[in-house]
Amino acid sequence: VKGKDAFMQGLRAHRGQFASAVSRVTACTTLKSP
């Protein structure tokens, strides 16, 4: 998908298929490199 509008529309359509979604996070980090 390219573009914010298409991304958000697709995300809403995908999430709209579900009565509920429950996530469990194992790990999350931000990395940078020169």
ModelCIF file with pLDDT and N, C-alpha, C, O atoms, coordinates in Angstrom:
data_MODEL
#
_entry.id   MODEL 
#
_entity.id                         1 
_entity.type                       polymer 
_entity.pdbx_number_of_molecules   1 
#
_entity_poly.entity_id                      1 
_entity_poly.type                           'polypeptide(L)' 
_entity_poly.nstd_linkage                   no 
_entity_poly.nstd_monomer                   no 
_entity_poly.pdbx_seq_one_letter_code       VKGKDAFMQGLRAHRGQFASAVSRVTACTTLKSP 
_entity_poly.pdbx_seq_one_letter_code_can   VKGKDAFMQGLRAHRGQFASAVSRVTACTTLKSP 
_entity_poly.pdbx_strand_id                 A 
#
loop_
_entity_poly_seq.entity_id 
_entity_poly_seq.num 
_entity_poly_seq.mon_id 
_entity_poly_seq.hetero 
1 1  VAL n 
1 2  LYS n 
1 3  GLY n 
1 4  LYS n 
1 5  ASP n 
1 6  ALA n 
1 7  PHE n 
1 8  MET n 
1 9  GLN n 
1 10 GLY n 
1 11 LEU n 
1 12 ARG n 
1 13 ALA n 
1 14 HIS n 
1 15 ARG n 
1 16 GLY n 
1 17 GLN n 
1 18 PHE n 
1 19 ALA n 
1 20 SER n 
1 21 ALA n 
1 22 VAL n 
1 23 SER n 
1 24 ARG n 
1 25 VAL n 
1 26 THR n 
1 27 ALA n 
1 28 CYS n 
1 29 THR n 
1 30 THR n 
1 31 LEU n 
1 32 LYS n 
1 33 SER n 
1 34 PRO n 
#
_struct_asym.id          A 
_struct_asym.entity_id   1 
#
loop_
_ma_qa_metric.id 
_ma_qa_metric.mode 
_ma_qa_metric.name 
_ma_qa_metric.software_group_id 
_ma_qa_metric.type 
1 global pLDDT . pLDDT 
2 local  pLDDT . pLDDT 
#
_ma_qa_metric_global.metric_id      1 
_ma_qa_metric_global.metric_value   96.94 
_ma_qa_metric_global.model_id       1 
_ma_qa_metric_global.ordinal_id     1 
#
loop_
_ma_qa_metric_local.label_asym_id 
_ma_qa_metric_local.label_comp_id 
_ma_qa_metric_local.label_seq_id 
_ma_qa_metric_local.metric_id 
_ma_qa_metric_local.metric_value 
_ma_qa_metric_local.model_id 
_ma_qa_metric_local.ordinal_id 
A VAL 1  2 98.00 1 1  
A LYS 2  2 98.00 1 2  
A GLY 3  2 98.00 1 3  
A LYS 4  2 98.00 1 4  
A ASP 5  2 98.00 1 5  
A ALA 6  2 98.00 1 6  
A PHE 7  2 98.00 1 7  
A MET 8  2 97.00 1 8  
A GLN 9  2 97.00 1 9  
A GLY 10 2 95.00 1 10 
A LEU 11 2 96.00 1 11 
A ARG 12 2 96.00 1 12 
A ALA 13 2 95.00 1 13 
A HIS 14 2 95.00 1 14 
A ARG 15 2 97.00 1 15 
A GLY 16 2 96.00 1 16 
A GLN 17 2 96.00 1 17 
A PHE 18 2 97.00 1 18 
A ALA 19 2 98.00 1 19 
A SER 20 2 98.00 1 20 
A ALA 21 2 98.00 1 21 
A VAL 22 2 98.00 1 22 
A SER 23 2 98.00 1 23 
A ARG 24 2 98.00 1 24 
A VAL 25 2 98.00 1 25 
A THR 26 2 98.00 1 26 
A ALA 27 2 97.00 1 27 
A CYS 28 2 98.00 1 28 
A THR 29 2 97.00 1 29 
A THR 30 2 97.00 1 30 
A LEU 31 2 96.00 1 31 
A LYS 32 2 96.00 1 32 
A SER 33 2 94.00 1 33 
A PRO 34 2 94.00 1 34 
#
loop_
_atom_site.group_PDB 
_atom_site.id 
_atom_site.type_symbol 
_atom_site.label_atom_id 
_atom_site.label_alt_id 
_atom_site.label_comp_id 
_atom_site.label_asym_id 
_atom_site.label_entity_id 
_atom_site.label_seq_id 
_atom_site.pdbx_PDB_ins_code 
_atom_site.Cartn_x 
_atom_site.Cartn_y 
_atom_site.Cartn_z 
_atom_site.occupancy 
_atom_site.B_iso_or_equiv 
_atom_site.pdbx_formal_charge 
_atom_site.auth_seq_id 
_atom_site.auth_comp_id 
_atom_site.auth_asym_id 
_atom_site.auth_atom_id 
_atom_site.pdbx_PDB_model_num 
ATOM 1   N N  . VAL A 1 1  ? 0.864   -1.177  0.000  1.00 98.00 ? 1  VAL A N  1 
ATOM 2   C CA . VAL A 1 1  ? 0.000   0.000   0.000  1.00 98.00 ? 1  VAL A CA 1 
ATOM 3   C C  . VAL A 1 1  ? 0.898   1.224   0.000  1.00 98.00 ? 1  VAL A C  1 
ATOM 4   O O  . VAL A 1 1  ? 1.930   1.239   0.670  1.00 98.00 ? 1  VAL A O  1 
ATOM 5   N N  . LYS A 1 2  ? 0.510   2.252   -0.749 1.00 98.00 ? 2  LYS A N  1 
ATOM 6   C CA . LYS A 1 2  ? 1.262   3.498   -0.771 1.00 98.00 ? 2  LYS A CA 1 
ATOM 7   C C  . LYS A 1 2  ? 0.316   4.645   -0.426 1.00 98.00 ? 2  LYS A C  1 
ATOM 8   O O  . LYS A 1 2  ? -0.788  4.741   -0.961 1.00 98.00 ? 2  LYS A O  1 
ATOM 9   N N  . GLY A 1 3  ? 0.767   5.506   0.474  1.00 98.00 ? 3  GLY A N  1 
ATOM 10  C CA . GLY A 1 3  ? 0.009   6.692   0.855  1.00 98.00 ? 3  GLY A CA 1 
ATOM 11  C C  . GLY A 1 3  ? -0.775  6.496   2.137  1.00 98.00 ? 3  GLY A C  1 
ATOM 12  O O  . GLY A 1 3  ? -1.274  5.409   2.427  1.00 98.00 ? 3  GLY A O  1 
ATOM 13  N N  . LYS A 1 4  ? -0.868  7.570   2.893  1.00 98.00 ? 4  LYS A N  1 
ATOM 14  C CA . LYS A 1 4  ? -1.533  7.540   4.194  1.00 98.00 ? 4  LYS A CA 1 
ATOM 15  C C  . LYS A 1 4  ? -3.008  7.160   4.087  1.00 98.00 ? 4  LYS A C  1 
ATOM 16  O O  . LYS A 1 4  ? -3.496  6.342   4.867  1.00 98.00 ? 4  LYS A O  1 
ATOM 17  N N  . ASP A 1 5  ? -3.716  7.748   3.131  1.00 98.00 ? 5  ASP A N  1 
ATOM 18  C CA . ASP A 1 5  ? -5.149  7.460   3.008  1.00 98.00 ? 5  ASP A CA 1 
ATOM 19  C C  . ASP A 1 5  ? -5.398  5.985   2.724  1.00 98.00 ? 5  ASP A C  1 
ATOM 20  O O  . ASP A 1 5  ? -6.268  5.374   3.345  1.00 98.00 ? 5  ASP A O  1 
ATOM 21  N N  . ALA A 1 6  ? -4.646  5.408   1.794  1.00 98.00 ? 6  ALA A N  1 
ATOM 22  C CA . ALA A 1 6  ? -4.810  3.991   1.463  1.00 98.00 ? 6  ALA A CA 1 
ATOM 23  C C  . ALA A 1 6  ? -4.424  3.111   2.646  1.00 98.00 ? 6  ALA A C  1 
ATOM 24  O O  . ALA A 1 6  ? -5.085  2.108   2.916  1.00 98.00 ? 6  ALA A O  1 
ATOM 25  N N  . PHE A 1 7  ? -3.355  3.483   3.354  1.00 98.00 ? 7  PHE A N  1 
ATOM 26  C CA . PHE A 1 7  ? -2.909  2.718   4.511  1.00 98.00 ? 7  PHE A CA 1 
ATOM 27  C C  . PHE A 1 7  ? -3.983  2.723   5.597  1.00 98.00 ? 7  PHE A C  1 
ATOM 28  O O  . PHE A 1 7  ? -4.347  1.669   6.117  1.00 98.00 ? 7  PHE A O  1 
ATOM 29  N N  . MET A 1 8  ? -4.486  3.904   5.936  1.00 97.00 ? 8  MET A N  1 
ATOM 30  C CA . MET A 1 8  ? -5.495  4.004   7.002  1.00 97.00 ? 8  MET A CA 1 
ATOM 31  C C  . MET A 1 8  ? -6.800  3.317   6.592  1.00 97.00 ? 8  MET A C  1 
ATOM 32  O O  . MET A 1 8  ? -7.438  2.667   7.419  1.00 97.00 ? 8  MET A O  1 
ATOM 33  N N  . GLN A 1 9  ? -7.196  3.451   5.346  1.00 97.00 ? 9  GLN A N  1 
ATOM 34  C CA . GLN A 1 9  ? -8.407  2.789   4.861  1.00 97.00 ? 9  GLN A CA 1 
ATOM 35  C C  . GLN A 1 9  ? -8.260  1.273   4.947  1.00 97.00 ? 9  GLN A C  1 
ATOM 36  O O  . GLN A 1 9  ? -9.177  0.585   5.396  1.00 97.00 ? 9  GLN A O  1 
ATOM 37  N N  . GLY A 1 10 ? -7.127  0.756   4.524  1.00 95.00 ? 10 GLY A N  1 
ATOM 38  C CA . GLY A 1 10 ? -6.891  -0.684  4.593  1.00 95.00 ? 10 GLY A CA 1 
ATOM 39  C C  . GLY A 1 10 ? -6.836  -1.186  6.029  1.00 95.00 ? 10 GLY A C  1 
ATOM 40  O O  . GLY A 1 10 ? -7.337  -2.269  6.329  1.00 95.00 ? 10 GLY A O  1 
ATOM 41  N N  . LEU A 1 11 ? -6.234  -0.408  6.911  1.00 96.00 ? 11 LEU A N  1 
ATOM 42  C CA . LEU A 1 11 ? -6.155  -0.779  8.323  1.00 96.00 ? 11 LEU A CA 1 
ATOM 43  C C  . LEU A 1 11 ? -7.550  -0.833  8.944  1.00 96.00 ? 11 LEU A C  1 
ATOM 44  O O  . LEU A 1 11 ? -7.875  -1.764  9.681  1.00 96.00 ? 11 LEU A O  1 
ATOM 45  N N  . ARG A 1 12 ? -8.373  0.178   8.639  1.00 96.00 ? 12 ARG A N  1 
ATOM 46  C CA . ARG A 1 12 ? -9.752  0.188   9.160  1.00 96.00 ? 12 ARG A CA 1 
ATOM 47  C C  . ARG A 1 12 ? -10.560 -0.998  8.631  1.00 96.00 ? 12 ARG A C  1 
ATOM 48  O O  . ARG A 1 12 ? -11.308 -1.630  9.376  1.00 96.00 ? 12 ARG A O  1 
ATOM 49  N N  . ALA A 1 13 ? -10.402 -1.294  7.341  1.00 95.00 ? 13 ALA A N  1 
ATOM 50  C CA . ALA A 1 13 ? -11.138 -2.411  6.746  1.00 95.00 ? 13 ALA A CA 1 
ATOM 51  C C  . ALA A 1 13 ? -10.710 -3.735  7.372  1.00 95.00 ? 13 ALA A C  1 
ATOM 52  O O  . ALA A 1 13 ? -11.550 -4.586  7.665  1.00 95.00 ? 13 ALA A O  1 
ATOM 53  N N  . HIS A 1 14 ? -9.411  -3.908  7.575  1.00 95.00 ? 14 HIS A N  1 
ATOM 54  C CA . HIS A 1 14 ? -8.919  -5.155  8.168  1.00 95.00 ? 14 HIS A CA 1 
ATOM 55  C C  . HIS A 1 14 ? -9.425  -5.305  9.597  1.00 95.00 ? 14 HIS A C  1 
ATOM 56  O O  . HIS A 1 14 ? -9.948  -6.359  9.960  1.00 95.00 ? 14 HIS A O  1 
ATOM 57  N N  . ARG A 1 15 ? -9.277  -4.270  10.405 1.00 97.00 ? 15 ARG A N  1 
ATOM 58  C CA . ARG A 1 15 ? -9.713  -4.335  11.809 1.00 97.00 ? 15 ARG A CA 1 
ATOM 59  C C  . ARG A 1 15 ? -11.226 -4.490  11.902 1.00 97.00 ? 15 ARG A C  1 
ATOM 60  O O  . ARG A 1 15 ? -11.731 -5.109  12.839 1.00 97.00 ? 15 ARG A O  1 
ATOM 61  N N  . GLY A 1 16 ? -11.950 -3.932  10.935 1.00 96.00 ? 16 GLY A N  1 
ATOM 62  C CA . GLY A 1 16 ? -13.413 -4.008  10.925 1.00 96.00 ? 16 GLY A CA 1 
ATOM 63  C C  . GLY A 1 16 ? -13.959 -5.419  10.759 1.00 96.00 ? 16 GLY A C  1 
ATOM 64  O O  . GLY A 1 16 ? -15.142 -5.650  11.005 1.00 96.00 ? 16 GLY A O  1 
ATOM 65  N N  . GLN A 1 17 ? -13.128 -6.361  10.349 1.00 96.00 ? 17 GLN A N  1 
ATOM 66  C CA . GLN A 1 17 ? -13.555 -7.753  10.205 1.00 96.00 ? 17 GLN A CA 1 
ATOM 67  C C  . GLN A 1 17 ? -13.748 -8.455  11.545 1.00 96.00 ? 17 GLN A C  1 
ATOM 68  O O  . GLN A 1 17 ? -14.399 -9.497  11.617 1.00 96.00 ? 17 GLN A O  1 
ATOM 69  N N  . PHE A 1 18 ? -13.178 -7.880  12.609 1.00 97.00 ? 18 PHE A N  1 
ATOM 70  C CA . PHE A 1 18 ? -13.122 -8.578  13.889 1.00 97.00 ? 18 PHE A CA 1 
ATOM 71  C C  . PHE A 1 18 ? -14.031 -7.952  14.938 1.00 97.00 ? 18 PHE A C  1 
ATOM 72  O O  . PHE A 1 18 ? -14.192 -6.734  15.009 1.00 97.00 ? 18 PHE A O  1 
ATOM 73  N N  . ALA A 1 19 ? -14.611 -8.815  15.741 1.00 98.00 ? 19 ALA A N  1 
ATOM 74  C CA . ALA A 1 19 ? -15.373 -8.345  16.901 1.00 98.00 ? 19 ALA A CA 1 
ATOM 75  C C  . ALA A 1 19 ? -14.419 -7.849  17.971 1.00 98.00 ? 19 ALA A C  1 
ATOM 76  O O  . ALA A 1 19 ? -14.734 -6.911  18.704 1.00 98.00 ? 19 ALA A O  1 
ATOM 77  N N  . SER A 1 20 ? -13.239 -8.483  18.063 1.00 98.00 ? 20 SER A N  1 
ATOM 78  C CA . SER A 1 20 ? -12.228 -8.027  19.020 1.00 98.00 ? 20 SER A CA 1 
ATOM 79  C C  . SER A 1 20 ? -10.841 -8.443  18.552 1.00 98.00 ? 20 SER A C  1 
ATOM 80  O O  . SER A 1 20 ? -10.671 -9.387  17.780 1.00 98.00 ? 20 SER A O  1 
ATOM 81  N N  . ALA A 1 21 ? -9.871  -7.710  19.045 1.00 98.00 ? 21 ALA A N  1 
ATOM 82  C CA . ALA A 1 21 ? -8.458  -8.033  18.813 1.00 98.00 ? 21 ALA A CA 1 
ATOM 83  C C  . ALA A 1 21 ? -7.736  -7.821  20.138 1.00 98.00 ? 21 ALA A C  1 
ATOM 84  O O  . ALA A 1 21 ? -7.915  -6.803  20.805 1.00 98.00 ? 21 ALA A O  1 
ATOM 85  N N  . VAL A 1 22 ? -6.925  -8.793  20.502 1.00 98.00 ? 22 VAL A N  1 
ATOM 86  C CA . VAL A 1 22 ? -6.166  -8.715  21.746 1.00 98.00 ? 22 VAL A CA 1 
ATOM 87  C C  . VAL A 1 22 ? -4.707  -9.029  21.422 1.00 98.00 ? 22 VAL A C  1 
ATOM 88  O O  . VAL A 1 22 ? -4.391  -10.073 20.853 1.00 98.00 ? 22 VAL A O  1 
ATOM 89  N N  . SER A 1 23 ? -3.834  -8.107  21.795 1.00 98.00 ? 23 SER A N  1 
ATOM 90  C CA . SER A 1 23 ? -2.410  -8.283  21.517 1.00 98.00 ? 23 SER A CA 1 
ATOM 91  C C  . SER A 1 23 ? -1.636  -8.532  22.794 1.00 98.00 ? 23 SER A C  1 
ATOM 92  O O  . SER A 1 23 ? -2.026  -8.112  23.884 1.00 98.00 ? 23 SER A O  1 
ATOM 93  N N  . ARG A 1 24 ? -0.522  -9.233  22.621 1.00 98.00 ? 24 ARG A N  1 
ATOM 94  C CA . ARG A 1 24 ? 0.442   -9.434  23.701 1.00 98.00 ? 24 ARG A CA 1 
ATOM 95  C C  . ARG A 1 24 ? 1.803   -9.094  23.123 1.00 98.00 ? 24 ARG A C  1 
ATOM 96  O O  . ARG A 1 24 ? 2.232   -9.686  22.133 1.00 98.00 ? 24 ARG A O  1 
ATOM 97  N N  . VAL A 1 25 ? 2.484   -8.134  23.747 1.00 98.00 ? 25 VAL A N  1 
ATOM 98  C CA . VAL A 1 25 ? 3.784   -7.681  23.252 1.00 98.00 ? 25 VAL A CA 1 
ATOM 99  C C  . VAL A 1 25 ? 4.892   -8.486  23.913 1.00 98.00 ? 25 VAL A C  1 
ATOM 100 O O  . VAL A 1 25 ? 4.941   -8.605  25.138 1.00 98.00 ? 25 VAL A O  1 
ATOM 101 N N  . THR A 1 26 ? 5.775   -9.033  23.097 1.00 98.00 ? 26 THR A N  1 
ATOM 102 C CA . THR A 1 26 ? 6.938   -9.762  23.594 1.00 98.00 ? 26 THR A CA 1 
ATOM 103 C C  . THR A 1 26 ? 8.114   -8.816  23.765 1.00 98.00 ? 26 THR A C  1 
ATOM 104 O O  . THR A 1 26 ? 8.795   -8.852  24.790 1.00 98.00 ? 26 THR A O  1 
ATOM 105 N N  . ALA A 1 27 ? 8.362   -7.966  22.766 1.00 97.00 ? 27 ALA A N  1 
ATOM 106 C CA . ALA A 1 27 ? 9.467   -7.010  22.830 1.00 97.00 ? 27 ALA A CA 1 
ATOM 107 C C  . ALA A 1 27 ? 9.190   -5.870  21.865 1.00 97.00 ? 27 ALA A C  1 
ATOM 108 O O  . ALA A 1 27 ? 8.524   -6.044  20.844 1.00 97.00 ? 27 ALA A O  1 
ATOM 109 N N  . CYS A 1 28 ? 9.716   -4.697  22.211 1.00 98.00 ? 28 CYS A N  1 
ATOM 110 C CA . CYS A 1 28 ? 9.579   -3.525  21.352 1.00 98.00 ? 28 CYS A CA 1 
ATOM 111 C C  . CYS A 1 28 ? 10.785  -2.623  21.604 1.00 98.00 ? 28 CYS A C  1 
ATOM 112 O O  . CYS A 1 28 ? 11.115  -2.335  22.755 1.00 98.00 ? 28 CYS A O  1 
ATOM 113 N N  . THR A 1 29 ? 11.441  -2.179  20.537 1.00 97.00 ? 29 THR A N  1 
ATOM 114 C CA . THR A 1 29 ? 12.606  -1.316  20.688 1.00 97.00 ? 29 THR A CA 1 
ATOM 115 C C  . THR A 1 29 ? 12.767  -0.455  19.444 1.00 97.00 ? 29 THR A C  1 
ATOM 116 O O  . THR A 1 29 ? 12.242  -0.780  18.379 1.00 97.00 ? 29 THR A O  1 
ATOM 117 N N  . THR A 1 30 ? 13.489  0.631   19.588 1.00 97.00 ? 30 THR A N  1 
ATOM 118 C CA . THR A 1 30 ? 13.832  1.485   18.453 1.00 97.00 ? 30 THR A CA 1 
ATOM 119 C C  . THR A 1 30 ? 15.340  1.503   18.311 1.00 97.00 ? 30 THR A C  1 
ATOM 120 O O  . THR A 1 30 ? 16.068  1.667   19.290 1.00 97.00 ? 30 THR A O  1 
ATOM 121 N N  . LEU A 1 31 ? 15.800  1.334   17.081 1.00 96.00 ? 31 LEU A N  1 
ATOM 122 C CA . LEU A 1 31 ? 17.232  1.320   16.781 1.00 96.00 ? 31 LEU A CA 1 
ATOM 123 C C  . LEU A 1 31 ? 17.544  2.365   15.727 1.00 96.00 ? 31 LEU A C  1 
ATOM 124 O O  . LEU A 1 31 ? 16.709  2.699   14.886 1.00 96.00 ? 31 LEU A O  1 
ATOM 125 N N  . LYS A 1 32 ? 18.773  2.875   15.793 1.00 96.00 ? 32 LYS A N  1 
ATOM 126 C CA . LYS A 1 32 ? 19.237  3.803   14.767 1.00 96.00 ? 32 LYS A CA 1 
ATOM 127 C C  . LYS A 1 32 ? 20.655  3.418   14.381 1.00 96.00 ? 32 LYS A C  1 
ATOM 128 O O  . LYS A 1 32 ? 21.338  2.684   15.093 1.00 96.00 ? 32 LYS A O  1 
ATOM 129 N N  . SER A 1 33 ? 21.083  3.940   13.219 1.00 94.00 ? 33 SER A N  1 
ATOM 130 C CA . SER A 1 33 ? 22.415  3.644   12.725 1.00 94.00 ? 33 SER A CA 1 
ATOM 131 C C  . SER A 1 33 ? 22.937  4.863   11.977 1.00 94.00 ? 33 SER A C  1 
ATOM 132 O O  . SER A 1 33 ? 22.177  5.507   11.253 1.00 94.00 ? 33 SER A O  1 
ATOM 133 N N  . PRO A 1 34 ? 24.223  5.196   12.135 1.00 94.00 ? 34 PRO A N  1 
ATOM 134 C CA . PRO A 1 34 ? 24.778  6.291   11.339 1.00 94.00 ? 34 PRO A CA 1 
ATOM 135 C C  . PRO A 1 34 ? 24.796  5.960   9.845  1.00 94.00 ? 34 PRO A C  1 
ATOM 136 O O  . PRO A 1 34 ? 25.233  6.778   9.037  1.00 94.00 ? 34 PRO A O  1 
#
